[in-house]
Protein backbone atom coordinates (compact mmCIF):
# COMPACT_ATOMS: atom_id res chain seq x y z
CA MET A 1 12.69 18.59 14.22
CA SER A 2 9.10 18.87 12.58
CA LEU A 3 8.28 19.36 9.09
CA PRO A 4 5.53 20.94 7.30
CA ILE A 5 2.77 19.26 5.44
CA GLY A 6 4.31 20.71 1.90
CA GLU A 7 7.95 19.02 2.70
CA VAL A 8 6.15 15.66 3.84
CA ALA A 9 4.38 15.71 0.73
CA ARG A 10 7.28 16.33 -1.60
CA SER A 11 9.39 13.59 0.37
CA SER A 12 6.73 11.36 0.12
CA GLY A 13 5.56 11.49 -3.15
CA LEU A 14 2.13 12.25 -1.85
CA SER A 15 -0.11 15.30 -1.78
CA PRO A 16 -1.35 17.34 0.98
CA ASP A 17 -4.60 15.61 0.27
CA ALA A 18 -3.55 12.32 0.76
CA LEU A 19 -1.46 13.10 4.05
CA ARG A 20 -4.89 14.59 5.57
CA TYR A 21 -7.03 11.60 4.46
CA TYR A 22 -4.31 9.20 5.78
CA GLU A 23 -4.71 11.26 8.83
CA ARG A 24 -8.43 10.74 8.79
CA GLU A 25 -8.19 7.38 8.03
CA GLY A 26 -6.05 6.57 11.21
CA LEU A 27 -3.19 5.53 9.51
CA LEU A 28 -1.15 8.55 10.54
CA PRO A 29 -1.19 10.04 14.32
CA ALA A 30 -2.64 13.38 14.41
CA PRO A 31 0.34 15.67 13.84
CA GLU A 32 1.30 18.97 15.99
CA ARG A 33 -0.17 22.30 14.96
CA THR A 34 1.24 25.66 14.94
CA ALA A 35 -0.50 28.59 16.65
CA GLY A 36 -2.18 29.35 13.20
CA GLY A 37 -3.16 25.39 12.88
CA ALA A 38 -0.49 24.62 10.37
CA ARG A 39 0.04 20.71 10.73
CA ARG A 40 3.70 19.99 11.69
CA TYR A 41 5.00 16.50 11.23
CA ASP A 42 7.47 14.27 13.12
CA GLU A 43 10.16 12.93 11.11
CA SER A 44 9.17 9.26 11.74
CA THR A 45 6.29 10.42 9.60
CA LEU A 46 8.37 9.78 6.39
CA ASP A 47 9.06 5.94 7.82
CA GLN A 48 5.20 5.39 8.39
CA LEU A 49 4.56 6.80 4.97
CA ALA A 50 6.74 4.84 3.52
CA VAL A 51 5.46 1.26 4.84
CA ILE A 52 1.78 3.09 3.96
CA THR A 53 2.54 3.46 0.02
CA SER A 54 4.31 0.56 -0.30
CA LEU A 55 1.78 -1.58 0.91
CA ARG A 56 -1.01 0.33 -0.71
CA ALA A 57 0.93 -0.27 -3.89
CA ALA A 58 1.11 -3.74 -3.52
CA GLY A 59 -2.88 -3.85 -3.17
CA PHE A 60 -3.41 -3.88 -0.06
CA SER A 61 -6.71 -2.30 1.54
CA LEU A 62 -6.52 0.48 4.05
CA ALA A 63 -7.83 -1.88 6.93
CA GLN A 64 -5.31 -4.18 6.41
CA VAL A 65 -2.46 -1.23 6.67
CA ARG A 66 -4.59 -0.06 9.48
CA GLU A 67 -4.15 -3.51 11.17
CA LEU A 68 -0.44 -3.66 10.75
CA LEU A 69 0.09 -0.40 11.85
CA GLY A 70 -2.31 -0.53 14.92
CA ALA A 71 -0.91 -3.71 15.96
CA LYS A 72 0.69 -2.03 18.96
CA GLU A 73 -2.54 -0.56 20.22
CA GLY A 74 -4.11 -2.15 23.34
CA THR A 75 -1.02 -4.30 24.24
CA LEU A 76 0.33 -3.74 27.65
CA THR A 77 3.77 -5.77 27.19
CA VAL A 78 6.70 -5.96 24.87
CA ARG A 79 5.60 -9.41 24.46
CA GLU A 80 1.96 -8.62 23.46
CA ARG A 81 3.22 -5.96 21.10
CA ILE A 82 5.61 -8.18 19.21
CA ASP A 83 3.08 -11.27 19.40
CA ALA A 84 0.57 -8.53 17.66
CA ALA A 85 2.99 -7.30 15.26
CA ARG A 86 3.88 -11.10 13.99
CA THR A 87 0.37 -11.90 13.77
CA ALA A 88 -0.62 -8.90 11.55
CA LEU A 89 2.70 -9.41 9.29
CA ASP A 90 1.95 -13.20 8.96
CA ALA A 91 -1.56 -12.15 7.61
CA LEU A 92 -0.13 -9.63 5.21
CA ASP A 93 2.60 -12.56 4.06
CA ALA A 94 -0.26 -14.72 3.56
CA ALA A 95 -2.00 -12.22 1.49
CA LEU A 96 1.10 -11.43 -0.64
CA ASP A 97 1.09 -15.27 -1.20
CA GLU A 98 -2.01 -15.36 -2.73
CA LYS A 99 -1.71 -12.31 -4.72
CA GLU A 100 1.46 -14.43 -6.12
CA ARG A 101 -0.65 -17.32 -7.22
CA GLU A 102 -3.31 -15.04 -8.45
CA LEU A 103 -0.34 -13.43 -10.80
CA THR A 104 0.96 -16.81 -11.74
CA ALA A 105 -2.45 -17.81 -12.97
CA ALA A 106 -3.20 -14.63 -14.82
CA ARG A 107 0.10 -15.02 -16.58
CA GLY A 108 -0.47 -18.39 -17.36
CA HIS A 109 -3.84 -17.39 -19.27
CA LEU A 110 -1.98 -14.40 -20.92
CA ARG A 111 0.44 -16.71 -22.16
CA ALA A 112 -2.13 -19.42 -23.40
CA TRP A 113 -3.78 -16.31 -25.29
CA ARG A 114 -0.30 -14.98 -26.47
CA ASP A 115 0.48 -18.53 -28.06
CA GLU A 116 -3.17 -19.05 -29.36
CA LEU A 117 -2.60 -15.99 -31.33
CA ASP A 118 1.06 -16.72 -32.14
CA SER A 119 -0.39 -20.25 -33.74
CA GLY A 120 -2.33 -18.40 -36.15
CA GLU A 121 0.64 -16.22 -37.61
CA PRO A 122 0.58 -14.85 -40.24
CA TRP A 123 -2.89 -13.42 -40.25
CA PRO A 124 -4.46 -12.47 -43.24
CA ASN A 125 -4.80 -8.69 -43.69
CA THR A 126 -8.40 -8.85 -44.60
CA PRO A 127 -11.26 -6.93 -42.92
CA PHE A 128 -13.69 -8.85 -40.78
CA GLY A 129 -17.00 -10.81 -42.32
CA CYS A 130 -15.55 -11.33 -45.60
């Protein structure tokens, strides 16, 4: 069954413009078109959009998402496709590990700043420069 762009947009939480953008960027395959030129998407597009939006929300670039989704391209055998997918997944996993390290460091800085502020309580309610 094929779905019109509006239905895919509503189901995915994206705008029709975002769907067209992802298509232009090579993250979505070109959809079928009606005789009038309207896009009609396969239901599997919703699964692909869930992956795209999840990775983008986690801070991955379009290039990183494209690399994962394109892992199957250029492969001739099942083994090559699986190896390419594993390599792409490993790269994203390593990037997530780095993001976790960065978040941990940022949280540490925030905690230290909060502790510094809290150690001065109660702060006087006087204007600055007095």
